[in-house]
Amino acid sequence: MTQQSVATSDKLDAAVLKVAGVVVLGAIMSILDVTVVSVALPTFQSEFDASYARVAWTMTAYTLALATVIPLSGWAADRFGTKRLYMVALALFTIGSGLCAMADTIGELIGYRVLQGLGGGMLMPLGMTIMTRAAGPHRIGRLMAVLGIPMLLGPIGGPILGGWLIDTASWHWIFLINLPIGVIALIYAQFALPKDAPEPSESFDFVGMLMLSPGLALFLYGVSSLPEAGTFTEAKVWAPMLVGGALVVAFVRYSFRPRHPLLDLRLFRNRSLTIASVTMFVFIIAFMGAGLLFPSYFLQVRGETTLTAGLLMAPQGIGAMITMPIAGTLADRVPIGRTVPFALGLIIVGFFGFTQVDPQTSYWLLGGSLFVMGLGMGGTMMPIMTSALRTLQAQEVACGSTLVNILQQIGGSVGAAVMSVILTNELNGSRQIPGMVDESGKPVTEAGLAIASQQRPELLQQMPVDPSLIERGLDFAAKSFASTFWVAFALVVLTLIPAFLLPRRRQPAQLGDPRGEQLKTPVVIH
């Protein structure tokens, strides 16, 4: 592959920004898609007359496709070239979006989401490779900041965009909107990205792939089944987690044998990579898991619409946009061991506000809390990744980044599942309403009825109840959210332990060694 000259200027010049434009377009499509689809799940239920567990597979299928393609990206980029593979990924994602919009059944929609996931899963890692080669090692912090903005804005803009499209048009448009963006990105990529010169890479590790890809997919499937099951004792939770975990453990033992394993776990001898991985893993479990519940509080306890809930989350994105470029610049000049603990402190301060929520908590207080958390987020995730990448040799970047980001994917899935189960168990402790059962015959609780009445006010006309019952239910629901946020808050505080071990002295940059070494594909999971 054509080796880009190492940039000596501190600024991201026009050539780099032109390449970044292609990557950001792809990142926006793939990241927004995840959150937009999550908003549409209730609509899918009514449109396809399917259970929530069934329509949730539109999310799960995408995640499993993503997990399957992660380990293959590095080898494929060297074998076929990053530009060529990036354009294939764009095409797969765009075609998958069009097919999703035409789906007549929930089964078809799930199948087309797999195609989307195969393309979307490659967009971020390949985009990161292209930008890294264009910018060089001395500007990787600012480079990460450019790509990190859509990563942080996705969870904010997705619900707003999804809610607006569904309310004003139809669910089909959450997929159709990707078509013009995808076509523009393909044309842009053709002219903006440098030509490929792929060279034969080391032999592909088929044995490792047969263990790691299905192992990750099975493990994440079991984890994603946990919120619905509510307990680890359900076979559909523990069985795939056990088999998937066994395959991953088998890969770990096997990976030390071949000369070129799919993932080289020997890289964990690098202290910076190891500490960055641990810090990111604990942080992702805490923040990403609870982060999914922030809009749920606005929807279920406060009775807001999807669009309003998305707008109420906007301060977090604004805060991240302010600090991320600053953090990117600092990451190139100041050891992250001096900045990340401070950023985590901001997150802790902001997070505390959500541990105090009740049915009438001021939106100004919550908006301020989200803004402060956003300030901290902008100074946390990308600097940690920058530190890990900078200390690796050029030929180690693909494996090192993939290792870190597989942990991110697992951490995000585990965090979301565990926080959902904690919240569900808290809500199930609400007082039952005598003589009232739901469609499945299960007793209805005060909190359950209160949440349902917030989302469907007509229920109170169909089954008149004492207003004090609804008030008690909402109060209990708010306390359940607060208890769940306390667990996540404690985990964020624990993240400070590995964060204080991050490098506090400036480290020499190894990434993109100008001596002719080729960069493999670093992987960033969203």
Protein backbone atom coordinates (compact mmCIF):
# COMPACT_ATOMS: atom_id res chain seq x y z
CA MET A 1 0.00 0.00 0.00
CA THR A 2 1.23 3.51 -0.80
CA GLN A 3 3.06 4.88 2.21
CA GLN A 4 2.10 8.46 3.04
CA SER A 5 4.88 10.78 4.06
CA VAL A 6 4.99 11.46 7.73
CA ALA A 7 3.58 14.86 8.47
CA THR A 8 5.88 17.22 10.23
CA SER A 9 3.43 20.10 10.63
CA ASP A 10 1.40 20.24 13.80
CA LYS A 11 -1.73 21.33 11.91
CA LEU A 12 -4.15 19.11 10.04
CA ASP A 13 -3.67 20.47 6.52
CA ALA A 14 -6.19 20.57 3.66
CA ALA A 15 -5.09 17.22 2.24
CA VAL A 16 -5.65 15.47 5.56
CA LEU A 17 -8.97 17.21 6.12
CA LYS A 18 -10.14 16.13 2.66
CA VAL A 19 -9.44 12.51 3.54
CA ALA A 20 -11.02 13.03 6.96
CA GLY A 21 -14.21 14.21 5.26
CA VAL A 22 -14.66 10.79 3.64
CA VAL A 23 -14.06 8.97 6.90
CA VAL A 24 -16.37 11.20 8.93
CA LEU A 25 -19.19 10.66 6.40
CA GLY A 26 -18.85 6.90 6.80
CA ALA A 27 -18.59 7.20 10.59
CA ILE A 28 -21.72 9.35 10.79
CA MET A 29 -23.71 6.81 8.77
CA SER A 30 -22.65 3.77 10.75
CA ILE A 31 -22.82 5.34 14.23
CA LEU A 32 -26.11 7.18 13.75
CA ASP A 33 -27.65 4.03 12.35
CA VAL A 34 -27.25 2.14 15.62
CA THR A 35 -29.04 4.74 17.75
CA VAL A 36 -31.66 5.59 15.12
CA VAL A 37 -32.72 1.95 14.89
CA SER A 38 -32.92 1.64 18.68
CA VAL A 39 -35.53 4.42 18.67
CA ALA A 40 -37.59 2.57 16.06
CA LEU A 41 -37.98 -0.70 17.99
CA PRO A 42 -41.49 0.10 19.32
CA THR A 43 -42.53 1.06 15.78
CA PHE A 44 -41.20 -2.25 14.45
CA GLN A 45 -43.30 -4.05 17.06
CA SER A 46 -46.53 -2.50 15.81
CA GLU A 47 -45.66 -2.55 12.09
CA PHE A 48 -44.61 -6.20 12.01
CA ASP A 49 -46.85 -7.40 14.86
CA ALA A 50 -43.82 -8.88 16.64
CA SER A 51 -42.66 -9.13 20.24
CA TYR A 52 -40.00 -6.83 21.63
CA ALA A 53 -37.63 -9.80 21.92
CA ARG A 54 -38.10 -10.46 18.20
CA VAL A 55 -37.59 -6.89 17.00
CA ALA A 56 -34.57 -6.49 19.31
CA TRP A 57 -32.82 -8.86 16.93
CA THR A 58 -32.56 -5.94 14.50
CA MET A 59 -29.98 -4.58 16.95
CA THR A 60 -28.46 -7.91 17.97
CA ALA A 61 -27.93 -9.07 14.37
CA TYR A 62 -26.02 -5.87 13.58
CA THR A 63 -23.83 -6.30 16.66
CA LEU A 64 -23.07 -9.95 15.89
CA ALA A 65 -22.11 -9.10 12.30
CA LEU A 66 -19.86 -6.38 13.66
CA ALA A 67 -18.17 -8.81 16.09
CA THR A 68 -17.62 -11.32 13.30
CA VAL A 69 -15.91 -8.89 10.96
CA ILE A 70 -13.67 -7.16 13.54
CA PRO A 71 -10.82 -9.73 13.57
CA LEU A 72 -10.71 -9.88 9.76
CA SER A 73 -10.28 -6.18 9.01
CA GLY A 74 -6.50 -5.96 9.46
CA TRP A 75 -5.66 -8.88 7.19
CA ALA A 76 -8.21 -7.85 4.54
CA ALA A 77 -6.92 -4.26 4.41
CA ASP A 78 -3.36 -5.45 3.70
CA ARG A 79 -4.56 -8.03 1.21
CA PHE A 80 -6.98 -5.89 -0.82
CA GLY A 81 -6.07 -2.28 0.04
CA THR A 82 -7.79 0.19 2.36
CA LYS A 83 -9.42 2.36 -0.33
CA ARG A 84 -10.85 -0.59 -2.17
CA LEU A 85 -12.09 -2.26 0.99
CA TYR A 86 -13.49 1.00 2.40
CA MET A 87 -15.54 1.56 -0.74
CA VAL A 88 -16.81 -2.04 -0.57
CA ALA A 89 -17.82 -1.44 3.06
CA LEU A 90 -19.64 1.77 2.05
CA ALA A 91 -21.43 -0.09 -0.74
CA LEU A 92 -22.45 -2.97 1.55
CA PHE A 93 -23.80 -0.58 4.17
CA THR A 94 -25.67 1.53 1.60
CA ILE A 95 -27.17 -1.48 -0.20
CA GLY A 96 -28.11 -3.01 3.16
CA SER A 97 -29.86 0.24 4.11
CA GLY A 98 -31.90 0.21 0.92
CA LEU A 99 -32.90 -3.43 1.45
CA CYS A 100 -33.87 -2.72 5.08
CA ALA A 101 -36.24 0.00 3.88
CA MET A 102 -37.92 -2.50 1.56
CA ALA A 103 -38.29 -5.29 4.15
CA ASP A 104 -41.80 -6.78 4.31
CA THR A 105 -41.25 -8.99 7.35
CA ILE A 106 -39.25 -8.73 10.55
CA GLY A 107 -37.19 -11.73 9.39
CA GLU A 108 -36.17 -9.91 6.22
CA LEU A 109 -35.27 -6.80 8.20
CA ILE A 110 -33.05 -8.81 10.56
CA GLY A 111 -31.29 -10.46 7.61
CA TYR A 112 -30.63 -7.15 5.89
CA ARG A 113 -29.30 -5.72 9.15
CA VAL A 114 -26.60 -8.42 9.05
CA LEU A 115 -25.51 -7.11 5.63
CA GLN A 116 -25.49 -3.59 7.06
CA GLY A 117 -23.39 -4.77 10.00
CA LEU A 118 -20.78 -6.41 7.77
CA GLY A 119 -20.29 -3.11 5.97
CA GLY A 120 -20.68 -0.84 8.99
CA GLY A 121 -18.28 -2.95 11.03
CA MET A 122 -15.46 -2.23 8.55
CA LEU A 123 -16.12 1.50 8.07
CA MET A 124 -14.60 2.65 11.36
CA PRO A 125 -11.42 0.51 11.42
CA LEU A 126 -10.63 1.18 7.78
CA GLY A 127 -11.38 4.87 8.17
CA MET A 128 -9.02 5.02 11.13
CA THR A 129 -6.24 3.43 9.07
CA ILE A 130 -6.71 5.87 6.20
CA MET A 131 -6.66 8.90 8.50
CA THR A 132 -3.68 7.65 10.51
CA ARG A 133 -1.59 7.19 7.39
CA ALA A 134 -2.56 10.62 6.11
CA ALA A 135 -1.82 12.47 9.36
CA GLY A 136 1.29 10.74 10.72
CA PRO A 137 2.23 9.98 14.35
CA HIS A 138 2.76 13.54 15.56
CA ARG A 139 -0.85 14.53 14.89
CA ILE A 140 -2.65 11.37 15.95
CA GLY A 141 -4.25 13.07 18.98
CA ARG A 142 -5.98 15.68 16.84
CA LEU A 143 -6.75 12.97 14.31
CA MET A 144 -8.56 10.95 16.98
CA ALA A 145 -10.47 14.07 17.99
CA VAL A 146 -11.79 14.55 14.44
CA LEU A 147 -13.05 10.98 14.23
CA GLY A 148 -14.25 10.97 17.82
CA ILE A 149 -16.80 13.76 17.34
CA PRO A 150 -19.27 11.62 15.33
CA MET A 151 -18.65 8.76 17.79
CA LEU A 152 -19.87 10.92 20.68
CA LEU A 153 -22.60 12.72 18.73
CA GLY A 154 -24.17 9.48 17.46
CA PRO A 155 -25.97 8.66 20.73
CA ILE A 156 -27.23 12.26 20.86
CA GLY A 157 -28.23 12.87 17.25
CA GLY A 158 -29.63 9.38 16.64
CA PRO A 159 -32.70 9.64 18.88
CA ILE A 160 -33.43 13.16 17.62
CA LEU A 161 -33.15 12.18 13.96
CA GLY A 162 -34.96 8.87 14.44
CA GLY A 163 -37.81 10.41 16.39
CA TRP A 164 -38.24 13.19 13.82
CA LEU A 165 -38.20 10.84 10.79
CA ILE A 166 -40.66 8.39 12.35
CA ASP A 167 -43.00 11.17 13.51
CA THR A 168 -42.97 13.14 10.24
CA ALA A 169 -42.53 10.37 7.64
CA SER A 170 -42.26 6.63 8.38
CA TRP A 171 -39.80 4.09 9.76
CA HIS A 172 -38.55 3.38 6.23
CA TRP A 173 -36.78 6.76 6.20
CA ILE A 174 -34.39 5.86 9.01
CA PHE A 175 -32.79 3.59 6.38
CA LEU A 176 -33.53 5.55 3.21
CA ILE A 177 -31.67 8.58 4.54
CA ASN A 178 -28.45 6.55 4.27
CA LEU A 179 -28.80 6.15 0.49
CA PRO A 180 -27.88 9.69 -0.66
CA ILE A 181 -25.18 9.95 2.03
CA GLY A 182 -23.74 6.59 0.95
CA VAL A 183 -23.68 7.54 -2.73
CA ILE A 184 -22.01 10.89 -1.96
CA ALA A 185 -19.45 9.12 0.26
CA LEU A 186 -18.65 6.59 -2.48
CA ILE A 187 -18.08 9.30 -5.09
CA TYR A 188 -16.08 11.38 -2.60
CA ALA A 189 -13.94 8.36 -1.65
CA GLN A 190 -13.17 7.58 -5.27
CA PHE A 191 -11.59 11.00 -5.81
CA ALA A 192 -10.31 11.92 -2.34
CA LEU A 193 -8.60 8.74 -1.14
CA PRO A 194 -5.11 7.82 -2.37
CA LYS A 195 -4.76 4.86 -4.70
CA ASP A 196 -4.11 1.43 -3.25
CA ALA A 197 -1.00 -0.65 -3.82
CA PRO A 198 -1.86 -3.80 -1.84
CA GLU A 199 0.92 -6.25 -1.12
CA PRO A 200 0.71 -9.89 -0.07
CA SER A 201 0.47 -10.11 3.71
CA GLU A 202 1.27 -12.94 6.06
CA SER A 203 -0.84 -16.09 5.74
CA PHE A 204 -4.34 -15.81 7.11
CA ASP A 205 -4.92 -17.53 10.46
CA PHE A 206 -8.02 -19.60 9.60
CA VAL A 207 -7.83 -21.65 12.79
CA GLY A 208 -7.77 -18.52 14.93
CA MET A 209 -10.63 -17.01 12.94
CA LEU A 210 -12.77 -20.13 13.42
CA MET A 211 -12.34 -19.78 17.18
CA LEU A 212 -12.39 -16.02 17.74
CA SER A 213 -15.15 -14.76 15.40
CA PRO A 214 -17.84 -17.28 16.41
CA GLY A 215 -16.63 -17.13 20.02
CA LEU A 216 -17.17 -13.37 20.18
CA ALA A 217 -20.51 -13.63 18.37
CA LEU A 218 -21.84 -16.36 20.70
CA PHE A 219 -20.64 -14.60 23.84
CA LEU A 220 -22.21 -11.30 22.82
CA TYR A 221 -25.43 -13.07 21.84
CA GLY A 222 -25.69 -14.54 25.33
CA VAL A 223 -24.97 -11.16 26.89
CA SER A 224 -27.54 -9.42 24.68
CA SER A 225 -30.16 -12.00 25.77
CA LEU A 226 -29.65 -11.13 29.44
CA PRO A 227 -31.98 -8.09 29.69
CA GLU A 228 -34.93 -10.04 28.29
CA ALA A 229 -34.25 -13.14 30.41
CA GLY A 230 -33.50 -11.11 33.54
CA THR A 231 -31.18 -13.77 34.96
CA PHE A 232 -28.02 -15.68 34.08
CA THR A 233 -29.75 -19.00 34.81
CA GLU A 234 -31.71 -18.96 31.54
CA ALA A 235 -30.19 -21.40 29.03
CA LYS A 236 -30.28 -18.85 26.20
CA VAL A 237 -28.02 -16.65 28.32
CA TRP A 238 -25.48 -18.98 29.91
CA ALA A 239 -25.22 -21.58 27.10
CA PRO A 240 -23.97 -19.24 24.32
CA MET A 241 -21.88 -17.30 26.83
CA LEU A 242 -20.27 -20.56 28.00
CA VAL A 243 -19.59 -21.88 24.49
CA GLY A 244 -18.44 -18.47 23.24
CA GLY A 245 -16.24 -17.95 26.28
CA ALA A 246 -14.70 -21.41 25.80
CA LEU A 247 -13.89 -20.61 22.17
CA VAL A 248 -12.27 -17.31 23.16
CA VAL A 249 -10.24 -19.03 25.90
CA ALA A 250 -9.20 -21.69 23.37
CA PHE A 251 -8.06 -18.91 21.03
CA VAL A 252 -6.06 -17.30 23.84
CA ARG A 253 -4.17 -20.56 24.43
CA TYR A 254 -3.73 -21.18 20.71
CA SER A 255 -2.62 -17.64 19.81
CA PHE A 256 0.86 -18.08 21.30
CA ARG A 257 1.71 -20.91 18.87
CA PRO A 258 1.57 -19.51 15.31
CA ARG A 259 4.04 -16.90 14.13
CA HIS A 260 1.26 -14.67 12.82
CA PRO A 261 -1.87 -15.25 14.93
CA LEU A 262 -5.09 -13.44 14.16
CA LEU A 263 -4.50 -11.39 17.32
CA ASP A 264 -1.08 -11.32 18.98
CA LEU A 265 -1.76 -11.38 22.73
CA ARG A 266 1.95 -10.95 23.40
CA LEU A 267 1.28 -7.23 22.95
CA PHE A 268 -0.14 -7.13 26.47
CA ARG A 269 3.48 -7.11 27.60
CA ASN A 270 3.31 -3.44 26.61
CA ARG A 271 2.42 -1.70 29.88
CA SER A 272 0.76 1.30 28.24
CA LEU A 273 -1.46 -0.88 26.08
CA THR A 274 -2.46 -3.04 29.05
CA ILE A 275 -3.31 -0.12 31.36
CA ALA A 276 -5.19 1.69 28.58
CA SER A 277 -7.18 -1.50 27.89
CA VAL A 278 -8.12 -2.01 31.54
CA THR A 279 -9.04 1.66 32.01
CA MET A 280 -11.20 1.67 28.89
CA PHE A 281 -12.87 -1.65 29.73
CA VAL A 282 -14.01 -0.59 33.21
CA PHE A 283 -15.07 2.83 31.97
CA ILE A 284 -17.08 1.44 29.04
CA ILE A 285 -19.00 -0.98 31.31
CA ALA A 286 -19.95 1.86 33.65
CA PHE A 287 -20.60 4.78 31.36
CA MET A 288 -21.94 3.15 28.20
CA GLY A 289 -24.21 0.86 30.19
CA ALA A 290 -25.73 3.69 32.21
CA GLY A 291 -25.61 6.08 29.25
CA LEU A 292 -28.31 4.06 27.51
CA LEU A 293 -30.56 4.59 30.54
CA PHE A 294 -30.34 8.41 30.54
CA PRO A 295 -32.88 8.81 27.70
CA SER A 296 -34.97 5.98 29.22
CA TYR A 297 -35.41 8.08 32.37
CA PHE A 298 -36.74 10.97 30.29
CA LEU A 299 -39.08 8.64 28.37
CA GLN A 300 -40.38 6.42 31.15
CA VAL A 301 -40.37 8.61 34.27
CA ARG A 302 -40.87 12.06 32.76
CA GLY A 303 -43.14 10.98 29.89
CA GLU A 304 -41.23 12.84 27.19
CA THR A 305 -41.39 12.01 23.48
CA THR A 306 -38.44 10.36 21.76
CA LEU A 307 -37.56 13.61 20.02
CA THR A 308 -37.66 15.60 23.27
CA ALA A 309 -35.59 12.98 25.08
CA GLY A 310 -32.97 13.24 22.35
CA LEU A 311 -32.90 17.02 22.63
CA LEU A 312 -32.54 16.78 26.41
CA MET A 313 -29.42 14.62 25.85
CA ALA A 314 -27.85 17.24 23.55
CA PRO A 315 -25.81 19.02 26.29
CA GLN A 316 -23.63 15.92 26.58
CA GLY A 317 -22.71 16.13 22.90
CA ILE A 318 -22.09 19.86 23.15
CA GLY A 319 -19.73 19.35 26.08
CA ALA A 320 -17.82 16.65 24.20
CA MET A 321 -17.50 18.85 21.12
CA ILE A 322 -15.89 21.57 23.22
CA THR A 323 -13.23 19.45 24.92
CA MET A 324 -12.45 16.81 22.31
CA PRO A 325 -10.38 19.06 20.01
CA ILE A 326 -8.57 20.47 23.07
CA ALA A 327 -7.92 16.96 24.41
CA GLY A 328 -6.67 15.88 20.98
CA THR A 329 -4.11 18.69 20.95
CA LEU A 330 -3.06 17.98 24.53
CA ALA A 331 -2.70 14.25 23.80
CA ASP A 332 0.02 15.12 21.28
CA ARG A 333 1.90 17.26 23.80
CA VAL A 334 1.03 16.25 27.39
CA PRO A 335 1.13 12.72 28.90
CA ILE A 336 -2.45 11.49 29.28
CA GLY A 337 -1.74 10.38 32.85
CA ARG A 338 -1.92 14.08 33.68
CA THR A 339 -5.18 14.81 31.82
CA VAL A 340 -7.41 11.71 31.84
CA PRO A 341 -7.88 11.55 35.66
CA PHE A 342 -9.05 15.18 35.56
CA ALA A 343 -11.50 14.35 32.73
CA LEU A 344 -12.78 11.36 34.70
CA GLY A 345 -13.29 13.69 37.66
CA LEU A 346 -15.58 15.83 35.51
CA ILE A 347 -17.58 12.73 34.53
CA ILE A 348 -17.91 11.73 38.19
CA VAL A 349 -19.15 15.19 39.15
CA GLY A 350 -21.69 15.19 36.33
CA PHE A 351 -22.76 11.61 36.97
CA PHE A 352 -23.58 12.36 40.59
CA GLY A 353 -26.54 14.48 39.50
CA PHE A 354 -28.25 11.43 38.03
CA THR A 355 -27.89 9.45 41.25
CA GLN A 356 -30.27 11.99 42.82
CA VAL A 357 -33.09 11.85 40.24
CA ASP A 358 -36.75 11.90 41.22
CA PRO A 359 -39.95 12.49 39.16
CA GLN A 360 -39.50 16.27 39.32
CA THR A 361 -35.73 16.76 39.09
CA SER A 362 -34.93 20.04 37.35
CA TYR A 363 -34.03 19.73 33.69
CA TRP A 364 -31.53 22.54 34.21
CA LEU A 365 -29.72 20.38 36.78
CA LEU A 366 -29.79 17.29 34.57
CA GLY A 367 -28.77 19.29 31.50
CA GLY A 368 -25.87 20.76 33.44
CA SER A 369 -24.87 17.27 34.63
CA LEU A 370 -24.91 15.96 31.06
CA PHE A 371 -22.87 18.93 29.86
CA VAL A 372 -20.19 18.35 32.52
CA MET A 373 -20.14 14.61 31.67
CA GLY A 374 -19.72 15.53 28.01
CA LEU A 375 -16.74 17.73 28.88
CA GLY A 376 -15.18 14.73 30.61
CA MET A 377 -16.06 12.31 27.82
CA GLY A 378 -14.29 14.49 25.28
CA GLY A 379 -11.11 14.25 27.34
CA THR A 380 -11.22 10.56 28.15
CA MET A 381 -11.91 8.02 25.40
CA MET A 382 -9.78 9.22 22.50
CA PRO A 383 -6.72 10.27 24.56
CA ILE A 384 -6.59 6.77 26.08
CA MET A 385 -6.69 5.20 22.61
CA THR A 386 -4.06 7.66 21.40
CA SER A 387 -1.70 6.68 24.20
CA ALA A 388 -2.06 2.99 23.46
CA LEU A 389 -1.47 3.39 19.71
CA ARG A 390 1.48 5.75 20.02
CA THR A 391 3.59 3.28 22.01
CA LEU A 392 3.23 0.44 19.51
CA GLN A 393 5.50 -0.30 16.58
CA ALA A 394 3.93 0.24 13.16
CA GLN A 395 3.47 -3.47 12.52
CA GLU A 396 1.79 -3.91 15.92
CA VAL A 397 -0.91 -1.26 15.56
CA ALA A 398 -3.58 -3.48 13.99
CA CYS A 399 -3.40 -6.15 16.67
CA GLY A 400 -3.03 -3.71 19.55
CA SER A 401 -5.96 -1.58 18.50
CA THR A 402 -8.09 -4.63 17.78
CA LEU A 403 -7.36 -6.06 21.24
CA VAL A 404 -8.37 -2.80 22.92
CA ASN A 405 -11.52 -2.45 20.91
CA ILE A 406 -12.71 -6.02 21.25
CA LEU A 407 -12.59 -5.27 24.97
CA GLN A 408 -14.61 -2.13 24.26
CA GLN A 409 -17.27 -4.09 22.38
CA ILE A 410 -17.50 -6.68 25.15
CA GLY A 411 -17.50 -3.97 27.82
CA GLY A 412 -20.27 -2.02 26.10
CA SER A 413 -22.46 -5.09 25.67
CA VAL A 414 -21.86 -6.31 29.23
CA GLY A 415 -22.47 -2.83 30.65
CA ALA A 416 -25.74 -2.36 28.77
CA ALA A 417 -26.98 -5.81 29.77
CA VAL A 418 -25.98 -5.60 33.44
CA MET A 419 -27.41 -2.10 33.94
CA SER A 420 -30.66 -3.15 32.25
CA VAL A 421 -30.97 -6.18 34.53
CA ILE A 422 -30.26 -4.10 37.66
CA LEU A 423 -32.92 -1.56 36.62
CA THR A 424 -35.44 -4.30 35.79
CA ASN A 425 -34.91 -6.03 39.13
CA GLU A 426 -35.28 -2.70 40.95
CA LEU A 427 -38.53 -1.97 39.12
CA ASN A 428 -39.86 -5.47 39.83
CA GLY A 429 -39.68 -4.64 43.54
CA SER A 430 -42.56 -2.20 43.16
CA ARG A 431 -45.86 -2.99 44.90
CA GLN A 432 -48.24 -5.13 42.84
CA ILE A 433 -51.73 -3.83 42.03
CA PRO A 434 -54.31 -6.37 43.33
CA GLY A 435 -56.34 -8.06 40.61
CA MET A 436 -54.48 -6.45 37.68
CA VAL A 437 -52.43 -8.52 35.22
CA ASP A 438 -50.85 -7.75 31.86
CA GLU A 439 -51.44 -9.53 28.53
CA SER A 440 -49.09 -12.36 29.51
CA GLY A 441 -50.86 -12.90 32.84
CA LYS A 442 -48.12 -11.39 35.00
CA PRO A 443 -49.12 -9.09 37.89
CA VAL A 444 -48.93 -5.36 37.09
CA THR A 445 -46.86 -3.24 39.50
CA GLU A 446 -47.43 0.37 40.43
CA ALA A 447 -44.17 1.38 38.78
CA GLY A 448 -45.02 -0.62 35.66
CA LEU A 449 -48.44 1.02 35.31
CA ALA A 450 -47.02 4.47 36.01
CA ILE A 451 -44.36 4.06 33.31
CA ALA A 452 -46.93 2.70 30.84
CA SER A 453 -49.26 5.63 31.56
CA GLN A 454 -46.46 8.09 30.84
CA GLN A 455 -45.94 6.57 27.42
CA ARG A 456 -49.64 5.87 26.73
CA PRO A 457 -51.85 8.31 28.68
CA GLU A 458 -55.03 6.71 27.31
CA LEU A 459 -54.43 3.73 29.61
CA LEU A 460 -55.66 5.76 32.58
CA GLN A 461 -58.97 6.32 30.80
CA GLN A 462 -59.36 2.59 30.16
CA MET A 463 -58.53 1.60 33.74
CA PRO A 464 -59.20 4.48 36.17
CA VAL A 465 -56.94 4.30 39.21
CA ASP A 466 -56.20 6.50 42.19
CA PRO A 467 -53.77 9.29 41.10
CA SER A 468 -51.75 8.65 44.25
CA LEU A 469 -50.99 5.15 42.92
CA ILE A 470 -49.45 6.62 39.75
CA GLU A 471 -47.53 9.12 41.88
CA ARG A 472 -46.12 6.32 44.06
CA GLY A 473 -45.24 4.31 40.95
CA LEU A 474 -43.34 7.17 39.35
CA ASP A 475 -41.50 7.87 42.58
CA PHE A 476 -40.50 4.19 42.84
CA ALA A 477 -39.41 4.16 39.18
CA ALA A 478 -37.25 7.24 39.69
CA LYS A 479 -35.63 5.65 42.75
CA SER A 480 -34.96 2.51 40.69
CA PHE A 481 -33.14 4.58 38.07
CA ALA A 482 -31.21 6.38 40.81
CA SER A 483 -30.12 3.06 42.37
CA THR A 484 -28.90 1.82 38.98
CA PHE A 485 -27.02 5.05 38.39
CA TRP A 486 -25.32 4.63 41.80
CA VAL A 487 -23.87 1.27 40.62
CA ALA A 488 -22.55 2.87 37.45
CA PHE A 489 -21.25 5.85 39.45
CA ALA A 490 -19.23 3.50 41.67
CA LEU A 491 -17.70 1.82 38.61
CA VAL A 492 -16.70 5.18 37.13
CA VAL A 493 -14.99 6.03 40.42
CA LEU A 494 -13.15 2.68 40.28
CA THR A 495 -11.88 3.64 36.82
CA LEU A 496 -9.67 6.20 38.54
CA ILE A 497 -7.49 3.37 39.88
CA PRO A 498 -6.07 2.22 36.52
CA ALA A 499 -6.28 5.82 35.22
CA PHE A 500 -3.73 6.94 37.82
CA LEU A 501 -1.35 4.32 36.37
CA LEU A 502 -1.51 5.83 32.86
CA PRO A 503 1.78 7.33 31.58
CA ARG A 504 2.73 10.59 33.33
CA ARG A 505 5.84 11.13 31.23
CA ARG A 506 5.97 11.90 27.53
CA GLN A 507 6.40 8.76 25.45
CA PRO A 508 8.20 8.50 22.10
CA ALA A 509 5.84 8.09 19.16
CA GLN A 510 6.19 4.74 17.41
CA LEU A 511 3.04 4.82 15.28
CA GLY A 512 3.56 5.20 11.59
CA ASP A 513 7.32 4.77 11.80
CA PRO A 514 8.66 6.64 8.75
CA ARG A 515 11.21 3.98 7.98
CA GLY A 516 8.82 2.39 5.54
CA GLU A 517 6.83 0.24 7.91
CA GLN A 518 3.23 -0.33 6.84
CA LEU A 519 0.36 0.31 9.24
CA LYS A 520 -2.20 -2.38 9.57
CA THR A 521 -5.78 -1.64 10.39
CA PRO A 522 -6.50 -0.23 13.84
CA VAL A 523 -10.04 -0.94 14.91
CA VAL A 524 -12.35 1.43 16.74
CA ILE A 525 -15.67 0.06 17.90
CA HIS A 526 -18.73 2.18 18.30
